[in-house]
Amino acid sequence: MLHSLKDLDHYTIEASDGDIGHVEDFYFDDLVWVIRYLVVETGPWLASRKVLISPQAIRHPNWSEQTLPAVLTREQVRNSPDIDTDKPISRQHEIQYLGYYGYPYYWDGVGIFGGVMAPDMFPIGGPDNSSEREVYEKTNLATEKAEQSRQRDDDPHLRSCEAVIGYHVHATDGEIGHIQGFLVDEASWAIRYLIVNTSNWWLGHQVIIAPQWFKDVNWAEQKISVGLNRQSVMDSPIYDSALALNRKIEKDLYAHYQRVGYWPEELAQEPEHSRTEG
């Protein structure tokens, strides 16, 4: 199921022993367009420190109470590596963070989160399981040090979702509008669509564009170019933020642009038993 990131804005992160804080922003990977971290304001219990929480720790949202349950403890968060969220996050910082929690390095694995295809496939006992932590520390310390050296100068390609709001989107024959939001897959945290406000060109309408349709992103000029023309965008299936975006609408959208949908690929990645059940 897809949800707007605005739906999760200021949601409370709920650890096993109390609240951690509320969501302020999201960092996404601009190579594969997936959410890598939630930026959380902890509030007074941790001197209003901002911390990163990986989607690998998040379980199914509680929509009625506006909370995101996390497989974490407050003590884990308190002792986590300090990261200045007001500055670009280096690969070294990521290595320290992922190493601390025992998460795989996503840039070296098969799935978009390293050894797994989606965050909810990460073992629930992961960072909380002391025996697994001990094994991790003994077997992976040398690997972590080597990785720090190898990845020291790498650009992790992390971008703030908040900072991208307002970027201009250009078709092949003119500007379409500006980024207003993101639609994210609840299971994988992949950004499936960017919501584009067309008010400067087509008053009163919003359209959705998949990142795979981009031709270029100029981060310095805050400009995104897509391989679509204005008329095709105007003729595309209407997006209504008040209605759930179901698979039929997605199929119609992809058919309109003559693109191949992402869902057959997802189906192929599912375990055989989940495809045959029911």
C-alpha atoms as a PDB file:
ATOM      1  CA  MET A   1       0.000   0.000   0.000  1.00  0.00           C
ATOM      2  CA  LEU A   2       1.181   3.507  -0.798  1.00  0.00           C
ATOM      3  CA  HIS A   3       1.111   6.415   1.613  1.00  0.00           C
ATOM      4  CA  SER A   4       2.077  10.046   1.390  1.00  0.00           C
ATOM      5  CA  LEU A   5       5.074  10.916   3.554  1.00  0.00           C
ATOM      6  CA  LYS A   6       2.995  13.815   4.824  1.00  0.00           C
ATOM      7  CA  ASP A   7       0.798  11.199   6.503  1.00  0.00           C
ATOM      8  CA  LEU A   8       3.789  10.251   8.664  1.00  0.00           C
ATOM      9  CA  ASP A   9       4.927  13.783   9.428  1.00  0.00           C
ATOM     10  CA  HIS A  10       5.293  14.265  13.194  1.00  0.00           C
ATOM     11  CA  TYR A  11       4.282  10.676  13.929  1.00  0.00           C
ATOM     12  CA  THR A  12       5.652   9.435  17.238  1.00  0.00           C
ATOM     13  CA  ILE A  13       8.338   6.735  17.194  1.00  0.00           C
ATOM     14  CA  GLU A  14       7.365   4.213  19.848  1.00  0.00           C
ATOM     15  CA  ALA A  15      10.190   2.095  21.297  1.00  0.00           C
ATOM     16  CA  SER A  16       9.574  -1.001  23.413  1.00  0.00           C
ATOM     17  CA  ASP A  17      10.015   1.037  26.600  1.00  0.00           C
ATOM     18  CA  GLY A  18       8.602   4.435  25.703  1.00  0.00           C
ATOM     19  CA  ASP A  19       8.451   7.168  23.073  1.00  0.00           C
ATOM     20  CA  ILE A  20      11.638   8.197  21.283  1.00  0.00           C
ATOM     21  CA  GLY A  21      10.358  11.363  19.629  1.00  0.00           C
ATOM     22  CA  HIS A  22       8.548  12.538  16.506  1.00  0.00           C
ATOM     23  CA  VAL A  23       9.403  12.359  12.799  1.00  0.00           C
ATOM     24  CA  GLU A  24      10.778  15.583  11.326  1.00  0.00           C
ATOM     25  CA  ASP A  25      12.165  14.513   7.970  1.00  0.00           C
ATOM     26  CA  PHE A  26      13.233  11.566   5.826  1.00  0.00           C
ATOM     27  CA  TYR A  27      16.518  10.887   4.036  1.00  0.00           C
ATOM     28  CA  PHE A  28      16.245   9.055   0.730  1.00  0.00           C
ATOM     29  CA  ASP A  29      18.828   7.416  -1.503  1.00  0.00           C
ATOM     30  CA  ASP A  30      18.854   9.312  -4.798  1.00  0.00           C
ATOM     31  CA  LEU A  31      20.245   6.319  -6.709  1.00  0.00           C
ATOM     32  CA  VAL A  32      17.380   3.912  -6.021  1.00  0.00           C
ATOM     33  CA  TRP A  33      14.821   6.323  -4.534  1.00  0.00           C
ATOM     34  CA  VAL A  34      14.155   4.567  -1.256  1.00  0.00           C
ATOM     35  CA  ILE A  35      13.888   5.980   2.268  1.00  0.00           C
ATOM     36  CA  ARG A  36      17.062   5.161   4.196  1.00  0.00           C
ATOM     37  CA  TYR A  37      16.439   7.007   7.461  1.00  0.00           C
ATOM     38  CA  LEU A  38      13.798   8.810   9.439  1.00  0.00           C
ATOM     39  CA  VAL A  39      15.040  11.984  11.159  1.00  0.00           C
ATOM     40  CA  VAL A  40      13.548  12.040  14.666  1.00  0.00           C
ATOM     41  CA  GLU A  41      13.434  14.924  17.134  1.00  0.00           C
ATOM     42  CA  THR A  42      13.768  13.249  20.537  1.00  0.00           C
ATOM     43  CA  GLY A  43      12.420  16.037  22.701  1.00  0.00           C
ATOM     44  CA  PRO A  44      13.444  16.820  26.303  1.00  0.00           C
ATOM     45  CA  TRP A  45      14.233  13.241  27.391  1.00  0.00           C
ATOM     46  CA  LEU A  46      17.393  13.364  25.242  1.00  0.00           C
ATOM     47  CA  ALA A  47      18.015  17.102  25.251  1.00  0.00           C
ATOM     48  CA  SER A  48      16.117  17.543  21.968  1.00  0.00           C
ATOM     49  CA  ARG A  49      18.759  15.609  20.108  1.00  0.00           C
ATOM     50  CA  LYS A  50      17.998  14.601  16.525  1.00  0.00           C
ATOM     51  CA  VAL A  51      18.627  10.939  15.753  1.00  0.00           C
ATOM     52  CA  LEU A  52      18.337   8.690  12.735  1.00  0.00           C
ATOM     53  CA  ILE A  53      16.010   5.696  12.796  1.00  0.00           C
ATOM     54  CA  SER A  54      16.302   3.113  10.044  1.00  0.00           C
ATOM     55  CA  PRO A  55      13.118   1.750   8.436  1.00  0.00           C
ATOM     56  CA  GLN A  56      14.586  -1.647   9.359  1.00  0.00           C
ATOM     57  CA  ALA A  57      13.509  -0.904  12.943  1.00  0.00           C
ATOM     58  CA  ILE A  58       9.987   0.227  12.028  1.00  0.00           C
ATOM     59  CA  ARG A  59       6.997  -2.086  12.135  1.00  0.00           C
ATOM     60  CA  HIS A  60       3.459  -1.490  10.827  1.00  0.00           C
ATOM     61  CA  PRO A  61       2.223   2.063  11.548  1.00  0.00           C
ATOM     62  CA  ASN A  62      -0.609   2.603  14.010  1.00  0.00           C
ATOM     63  CA  TRP A  63      -2.645   5.003  11.894  1.00  0.00           C
ATOM     64  CA  SER A  64      -5.309   5.708  14.514  1.00  0.00           C
ATOM     65  CA  GLU A  65      -2.768   6.691  17.193  1.00  0.00           C
ATOM     66  CA  GLN A  66      -0.281   8.210  14.730  1.00  0.00           C
ATOM     67  CA  THR A  67       2.635   6.154  15.993  1.00  0.00           C
ATOM     68  CA  LEU A  68       5.382   4.111  14.371  1.00  0.00           C
ATOM     69  CA  PRO A  69       6.319   1.100  16.533  1.00  0.00           C
ATOM     70  CA  ALA A  70      10.067   0.464  16.513  1.00  0.00           C
ATOM     71  CA  VAL A  71      12.089  -2.600  17.485  1.00  0.00           C
ATOM     72  CA  LEU A  72      14.368  -0.469  19.656  1.00  0.00           C
ATOM     73  CA  THR A  73      14.861   0.612  23.249  1.00  0.00           C
ATOM     74  CA  ARG A  74      15.438   4.136  24.476  1.00  0.00           C
ATOM     75  CA  GLU A  75      18.824   3.078  25.812  1.00  0.00           C
ATOM     76  CA  GLN A  76      19.888   1.940  22.347  1.00  0.00           C
ATOM     77  CA  VAL A  77      18.902   5.302  20.920  1.00  0.00           C
ATOM     78  CA  ARG A  78      20.628   7.161  23.757  1.00  0.00           C
ATOM     79  CA  ASN A  79      23.922   5.340  23.072  1.00  0.00           C
ATOM     80  CA  SER A  80      23.704   5.477  19.275  1.00  0.00           C
ATOM     81  CA  PRO A  81      26.455   7.317  17.334  1.00  0.00           C
ATOM     82  CA  ASP A  82      26.050  11.098  17.228  1.00  0.00           C
ATOM     83  CA  ILE A  83      25.211  12.341  13.746  1.00  0.00           C
ATOM     84  CA  ASP A  84      24.738  16.001  12.871  1.00  0.00           C
ATOM     85  CA  THR A  85      21.569  15.937  10.775  1.00  0.00           C
ATOM     86  CA  ASP A  86      22.147  19.561   9.750  1.00  0.00           C
ATOM     87  CA  LYS A  87      25.171  18.471   7.709  1.00  0.00           C
ATOM     88  CA  PRO A  88      25.570  15.923   4.894  1.00  0.00           C
ATOM     89  CA  ILE A  89      25.825  12.388   6.259  1.00  0.00           C
ATOM     90  CA  SER A  90      29.039  10.695   5.196  1.00  0.00           C
ATOM     91  CA  ARG A  91      29.457   7.030   4.419  1.00  0.00           C
ATOM     92  CA  GLN A  92      31.670   6.776   7.516  1.00  0.00           C
ATOM     93  CA  HIS A  93      28.775   7.965   9.675  1.00  0.00           C
ATOM     94  CA  GLU A  94      26.499   5.433   8.037  1.00  0.00           C
ATOM     95  CA  ILE A  95      28.977   2.624   8.667  1.00  0.00           C
ATOM     96  CA  GLN A  96      29.164   3.571  12.351  1.00  0.00           C
ATOM     97  CA  TYR A  97      25.383   3.787  12.597  1.00  0.00           C
ATOM     98  CA  LEU A  98      24.596   0.534  10.777  1.00  0.00           C
ATOM     99  CA  GLY A  99      27.397  -1.241  12.623  1.00  0.00           C
ATOM    100  CA  TYR A 100      26.064  -0.091  15.980  1.00  0.00           C
ATOM    101  CA  TYR A 101      22.605  -1.518  15.295  1.00  0.00           C
ATOM    102  CA  GLY A 102      23.847  -4.595  13.461  1.00  0.00           C
ATOM    103  CA  TYR A 103      22.153  -3.741  10.163  1.00  0.00           C
ATOM    104  CA  PRO A 104      23.666  -4.868   6.834  1.00  0.00           C
ATOM    105  CA  TYR A 105      25.395  -2.362   4.577  1.00  0.00           C
ATOM    106  CA  TYR A 106      22.693  -1.691   1.996  1.00  0.00           C
ATOM    107  CA  TRP A 107      25.207  -0.679  -0.698  1.00  0.00           C
ATOM    108  CA  ASP A 108      26.800  -4.133  -0.768  1.00  0.00           C
ATOM    109  CA  GLY A 109      23.723  -6.370  -0.666  1.00  0.00           C
ATOM    110  CA  VAL A 110      21.275  -7.770  -3.181  1.00  0.00           C
ATOM    111  CA  GLY A 111      18.106  -6.202  -1.733  1.00  0.00           C
ATOM    112  CA  ILE A 112      17.513  -2.480  -1.344  1.00  0.00           C
ATOM    113  CA  PHE A 113      18.365  -2.848   2.353  1.00  0.00           C
ATOM    114  CA  GLY A 114      21.400  -5.092   1.989  1.00  0.00           C
ATOM    115  CA  GLY A 115      20.657  -8.726   2.696  1.00  0.00           C
ATOM    116  CA  VAL A 116      16.879  -8.216   2.658  1.00  0.00           C
ATOM    117  CA  MET A 117      14.412  -6.997   0.045  1.00  0.00           C
ATOM    118  CA  ALA A 118      12.354  -4.922   2.497  1.00  0.00           C
ATOM    119  CA  PRO A 119      12.767  -3.594   6.057  1.00  0.00           C
ATOM    120  CA  ASP A 120      10.004  -5.789   7.490  1.00  0.00           C
ATOM    121  CA  MET A 121      12.018  -8.869   6.459  1.00  0.00           C
ATOM    122  CA  PHE A 122      14.786  -7.937   8.915  1.00  0.00           C
ATOM    123  CA  PRO A 123      14.700 -10.224  11.980  1.00  0.00           C
ATOM    124  CA  ILE A 124      12.581  -8.724  14.739  1.00  0.00           C
ATOM    125  CA  GLY A 125      15.203  -9.669  17.289  1.00  0.00           C
ATOM    126  CA  GLY A 126      17.936  -7.962  15.245  1.00  0.00           C
ATOM    127  CA  PRO A 127      19.435  -5.124  17.262  1.00  0.00           C
ATOM    128  CA  ASP A 128      17.719  -6.153  20.510  1.00  0.00           C
ATOM    129  CA  ASN A 129      19.111  -9.674  20.580  1.00  0.00           C
ATOM    130  CA  SER A 130      22.233  -9.660  22.774  1.00  0.00           C
ATOM    131  CA  SER A 131      23.582 -12.974  21.443  1.00  0.00           C
ATOM    132  CA  GLU A 132      23.293 -11.751  17.855  1.00  0.00           C
ATOM    133  CA  ARG A 133      24.975  -8.483  18.863  1.00  0.00           C
ATOM    134  CA  GLU A 134      27.872 -10.430  20.360  1.00  0.00           C
ATOM    135  CA  VAL A 135      28.280 -12.504  17.218  1.00  0.00           C
ATOM    136  CA  TYR A 136      28.136  -9.346  15.115  1.00  0.00           C
ATOM    137  CA  GLU A 137      30.792  -7.582  17.172  1.00  0.00           C
ATOM    138  CA  LYS A 138      33.172 -10.555  17.080  1.00  0.00           C
ATOM    139  CA  THR A 139      32.834 -11.497  13.429  1.00  0.00           C
ATOM    140  CA  ASN A 140      32.246  -8.160  11.724  1.00  0.00           C
ATOM    141  CA  LEU A 141      34.594  -5.765  13.497  1.00  0.00           C
ATOM    142  CA  ALA A 142      37.426  -6.356  11.002  1.00  0.00           C
ATOM    143  CA  THR A 143      34.988  -6.070   8.107  1.00  0.00           C
ATOM    144  CA  GLU A 144      33.639  -2.810   9.500  1.00  0.00           C
ATOM    145  CA  LYS A 145      37.120  -1.296   9.781  1.00  0.00           C
ATOM    146  CA  ALA A 146      37.987  -2.359   6.248  1.00  0.00           C
ATOM    147  CA  GLU A 147      34.702  -0.941   4.986  1.00  0.00           C
ATOM    148  CA  GLN A 148      35.365   2.375   6.726  1.00  0.00           C
ATOM    149  CA  SER A 149      38.683   2.633   4.935  1.00  0.00           C
ATOM    150  CA  ARG A 150      37.285   1.573   1.550  1.00  0.00           C
ATOM    151  CA  GLN A 151      34.203   3.823   1.717  1.00  0.00           C
ATOM    152  CA  ARG A 152      35.858   6.805   3.422  1.00  0.00           C
ATOM    153  CA  ASP A 153      35.328   9.252   0.569  1.00  0.00           C
ATOM    154  CA  ASP A 154      32.187   7.786  -0.995  1.00  0.00           C
ATOM    155  CA  ASP A 155      29.094   9.926  -1.488  1.00  0.00           C
ATOM    156  CA  PRO A 156      26.181   8.033   0.078  1.00  0.00           C
ATOM    157  CA  HIS A 157      23.693   9.898  -2.132  1.00  0.00           C
ATOM    158  CA  LEU A 158      21.393  10.819   0.741  1.00  0.00           C
ATOM    159  CA  ARG A 159      18.904  13.651   0.263  1.00  0.00           C
ATOM    160  CA  SER A 160      16.388  15.296   2.556  1.00  0.00           C
ATOM    161  CA  CYS A 161      12.786  14.867   1.413  1.00  0.00           C
ATOM    162  CA  GLU A 162      11.950  18.185   3.035  1.00  0.00           C
ATOM    163  CA  ALA A 163      14.657  19.926   1.009  1.00  0.00           C
ATOM    164  CA  VAL A 164      13.377  18.496  -2.293  1.00  0.00           C
ATOM    165  CA  ILE A 165       9.868  19.875  -1.778  1.00  0.00           C
ATOM    166  CA  GLY A 166       9.483  22.753  -4.217  1.00  0.00           C
ATOM    167  CA  TYR A 167      11.926  21.454  -6.855  1.00  0.00           C
ATOM    168  CA  HIS A 168      10.775  22.377 -10.366  1.00  0.00           C
ATOM    169  CA  VAL A 169       9.772  19.581 -12.748  1.00  0.00           C
ATOM    170  CA  HIS A 170      10.317  20.043 -16.477  1.00  0.00           C
ATOM    171  CA  ALA A 171       8.823  18.031 -19.334  1.00  0.00           C
ATOM    172  CA  THR A 172      10.476  17.827 -22.748  1.00  0.00           C
ATOM    173  CA  ASP A 173       8.546  20.935 -23.874  1.00  0.00           C
ATOM    174  CA  GLY A 174       8.239  23.075 -20.762  1.00  0.00           C
ATOM    175  CA  GLU A 175       7.758  23.194 -17.027  1.00  0.00           C
ATOM    176  CA  ILE A 176       5.087  20.995 -15.443  1.00  0.00           C
ATOM    177  CA  GLY A 177       5.120  22.269 -11.868  1.00  0.00           C
ATOM    178  CA  HIS A 178       6.908  21.660  -8.586  1.00  0.00           C
ATOM    179  CA  ILE A 179       7.354  18.768  -6.146  1.00  0.00           C
ATOM    180  CA  GLN A 180       4.696  18.778  -3.464  1.00  0.00           C
ATOM    181  CA  GLY A 181       5.139  15.364  -1.856  1.00  0.00           C
ATOM    182  CA  PHE A 182       6.125  11.713  -2.057  1.00  0.00           C
ATOM    183  CA  LEU A 183       4.160   8.467  -2.229  1.00  0.00           C
ATOM    184  CA  VAL A 184       6.018   5.672  -0.452  1.00  0.00           C
ATOM    185  CA  ASP A 185       5.503   1.915  -0.439  1.00  0.00           C
ATOM    186  CA  GLU A 186       4.574   0.903   3.107  1.00  0.00           C
ATOM    187  CA  ALA A 187       6.406  -2.442   2.882  1.00  0.00           C
ATOM    188  CA  SER A 188       9.665  -1.491   1.152  1.00  0.00           C
ATOM    189  CA  TRP A 189       9.872   2.278   1.882  1.00  0.00           C
ATOM    190  CA  ALA A 190      10.559   2.761  -1.836  1.00  0.00           C
ATOM    191  CA  ILE A 191       9.476   6.118  -3.258  1.00  0.00           C
ATOM    192  CA  ARG A 192       7.059   5.062  -5.979  1.00  0.00           C
ATOM    193  CA  TYR A 193       5.902   8.523  -7.070  1.00  0.00           C
ATOM    194  CA  LEU A 194       6.559  12.202  -6.615  1.00  0.00           C
ATOM    195  CA  ILE A 195       3.452  14.344  -6.341  1.00  0.00           C
ATOM    196  CA  VAL A 196       3.713  17.331  -8.666  1.00  0.00           C
ATOM    197  CA  ASN A 197       1.655  20.480  -8.199  1.00  0.00           C
ATOM    198  CA  THR A 198       0.900  21.903 -11.660  1.00  0.00           C
ATOM    199  CA  SER A 199      -0.742  25.146 -10.457  1.00  0.00           C
ATOM    200  CA  ASN A 200       1.650  27.398 -12.406  1.00  0.00           C
ATOM    201  CA  TRP A 201       0.679  25.681 -15.645  1.00  0.00           C
ATOM    202  CA  TRP A 202      -2.508  23.656 -15.150  1.00  0.00           C
ATOM    203  CA  LEU A 203      -4.438  25.254 -12.301  1.00  0.00           C
ATOM    204  CA  GLY A 204      -6.031  23.005  -9.699  1.00  0.00           C
ATOM    205  CA  HIS A 205      -4.363  19.737 -10.649  1.00  0.00           C
ATOM    206  CA  GLN A 206      -1.802  17.340  -9.240  1.00  0.00           C
ATOM    207  CA  VAL A 207      -0.041  14.599 -11.146  1.00  0.00           C
ATOM    208  CA  ILE A 208       2.252  11.793 -10.058  1.00  0.00           C
ATOM    209  CA  ILE A 209       5.562  10.938 -11.699  1.00  0.00           C
ATOM    210  CA  ALA A 210       7.658   7.836 -10.998  1.00  0.00           C
ATOM    211  CA  PRO A 211      11.406   8.450 -10.346  1.00  0.00           C
ATOM    212  CA  GLN A 212      12.224   5.871 -13.048  1.00  0.00           C
ATOM    213  CA  TRP A 213      10.820   8.280 -15.631  1.00  0.00           C
ATOM    214  CA  PHE A 214      13.330  11.019 -14.800  1.00  0.00           C
ATOM    215  CA  LYS A 215      15.889  11.956 -17.436  1.00  0.00           C
ATOM    216  CA  ASP A 216      18.001  14.068 -15.116  1.00  0.00           C
ATOM    217  CA  VAL A 217      18.048  15.628 -11.654  1.00  0.00           C
ATOM    218  CA  ASN A 218      20.032  18.820 -11.232  1.00  0.00           C
ATOM    219  CA  TRP A 219      20.418  19.090  -7.455  1.00  0.00           C
ATOM    220  CA  ALA A 220      22.268  22.414  -7.648  1.00  0.00           C
ATOM    221  CA  GLU A 221      19.523  24.063  -9.718  1.00  0.00           C
ATOM    222  CA  GLN A 222      16.711  22.211  -7.894  1.00  0.00           C
ATOM    223  CA  LYS A 223      15.351  20.960 -11.190  1.00  0.00           C
ATOM    224  CA  ILE A 224      14.044  17.572 -12.328  1.00  0.00           C
ATOM    225  CA  SER A 225      13.649  16.704 -16.013  1.00  0.00           C
ATOM    226  CA  VAL A 226      11.318  13.942 -17.167  1.00  0.00           C
ATOM    227  CA  GLY A 227      11.079  12.197 -20.523  1.00  0.00           C
ATOM    228  CA  LEU A 228       7.418  13.142 -20.981  1.00  0.00           C
ATOM    229  CA  ASN A 229       5.727  15.976 -22.830  1.00  0.00           C
ATOM    230  CA  ARG A 230       3.151  18.320 -21.337  1.00  0.00           C
ATOM    231  CA  GLN A 231       0.221  16.933 -23.309  1.00  0.00           C
ATOM    232  CA  SER A 232       0.891  13.378 -22.151  1.00  0.00           C
ATOM    233  CA  VAL A 233       0.983  14.618 -18.560  1.00  0.00           C
ATOM    234  CA  MET A 234      -2.277  16.496 -19.043  1.00  0.00           C
ATOM    235  CA  ASP A 235      -3.907  13.367 -20.534  1.00  0.00           C
ATOM    236  CA  SER A 236      -2.681  11.062 -17.770  1.00  0.00           C
ATOM    237  CA  PRO A 237      -5.101   9.497 -15.253  1.00  0.00           C
ATOM    238  CA  ILE A 238      -6.176  12.050 -12.650  1.00  0.00           C
ATOM    239  CA  TYR A 239      -4.499  11.883  -9.259  1.00  0.00           C
ATOM    240  CA  ASP A 240      -6.725  12.716  -6.295  1.00  0.00           C
ATOM    241  CA  SER A 241      -4.888  12.897  -2.966  1.00  0.00           C
ATOM    242  CA  ALA A 242      -8.186  12.319  -1.142  1.00  0.00           C
ATOM    243  CA  LEU A 243      -8.529   8.853  -2.694  1.00  0.00           C
ATOM    244  CA  ALA A 244      -6.412   5.763  -2.137  1.00  0.00           C
ATOM    245  CA  LEU A 245      -4.086   5.032  -5.027  1.00  0.00           C
ATOM    246  CA  ASN A 246      -5.023   1.469  -5.960  1.00  0.00           C
ATOM    247  CA  ARG A 247      -3.291  -0.898  -8.356  1.00  0.00           C
ATOM    248  CA  LYS A 248      -5.864  -0.300 -11.116  1.00  0.00           C
ATOM    249  CA  ILE A 249      -5.025   3.413 -11.173  1.00  0.00           C
ATOM    250  CA  GLU A 250      -1.323   2.557 -11.209  1.00  0.00           C
ATOM    251  CA  LYS A 251      -1.792   0.144 -14.108  1.00  0.00           C
ATOM    252  CA  ASP A 252      -3.748   2.766 -16.044  1.00  0.00           C
ATOM    253  CA  LEU A 253      -0.995   5.302 -15.370  1.00  0.00           C
ATOM    254  CA  TYR A 254       1.801   3.008 -16.539  1.00  0.00           C
ATOM    255  CA  ALA A 255      -0.229   1.944 -19.580  1.00  0.00           C
ATOM    256  CA  HIS A 256      -0.817   5.597 -20.470  1.00  0.00           C
ATOM    257  CA  TYR A 257       2.916   6.301 -20.471  1.00  0.00           C
ATOM    258  CA  GLN A 258       3.682   2.916 -22.064  1.00  0.00           C
ATOM    259  CA  ARG A 259       5.944   1.948 -19.190  1.00  0.00           C
ATOM    260  CA  VAL A 260       6.442  -1.393 -17.451  1.00  0.00           C
ATOM    261  CA  GLY A 261       5.063  -1.495 -13.898  1.00  0.00           C
ATOM    262  CA  TYR A 262       7.214  -2.324 -10.887  1.00  0.00           C
ATOM    263  CA  TRP A 263       4.797  -4.908  -9.425  1.00  0.00           C
ATOM    264  CA  PRO A 264       5.668  -7.971 -11.600  1.00  0.00           C
ATOM    265  CA  GLU A 265       9.218  -7.602 -10.274  1.00  0.00           C
ATOM    266  CA  GLU A 266       7.926  -7.506  -6.695  1.00  0.00           C
ATOM    267  CA  LEU A 267       5.837 -10.625  -7.287  1.00  0.00           C
ATOM    268  CA  ALA A 268       8.893 -12.489  -8.532  1.00  0.00           C
ATOM    269  CA  GLN A 269      10.765 -11.553  -5.349  1.00  0.00           C
ATOM    270  CA  GLU A 270       8.081 -12.868  -2.995  1.00  0.00           C
ATOM    271  CA  PRO A 271       8.697 -16.247  -1.326  1.00  0.00           C
ATOM    272  CA  GLU A 272       6.916 -19.052  -3.149  1.00  0.00           C
ATOM    273  CA  HIS A 273       4.702 -19.893  -0.159  1.00  0.00           C
ATOM    274  CA  SER A 274       3.329 -16.330   0.010  1.00  0.00           C
ATOM    275  CA  ARG A 275       2.271 -16.499  -3.653  1.00  0.00           C
ATOM    276  CA  THR A 276       0.463 -19.811  -3.242  1.00  0.00           C
ATOM    277  CA  GLU A 277      -1.291 -19.141   0.043  1.00  0.00           C
ATOM    278  CA  GLY A 278      -4.946 -18.115  -0.088  1.00  0.00           C
END
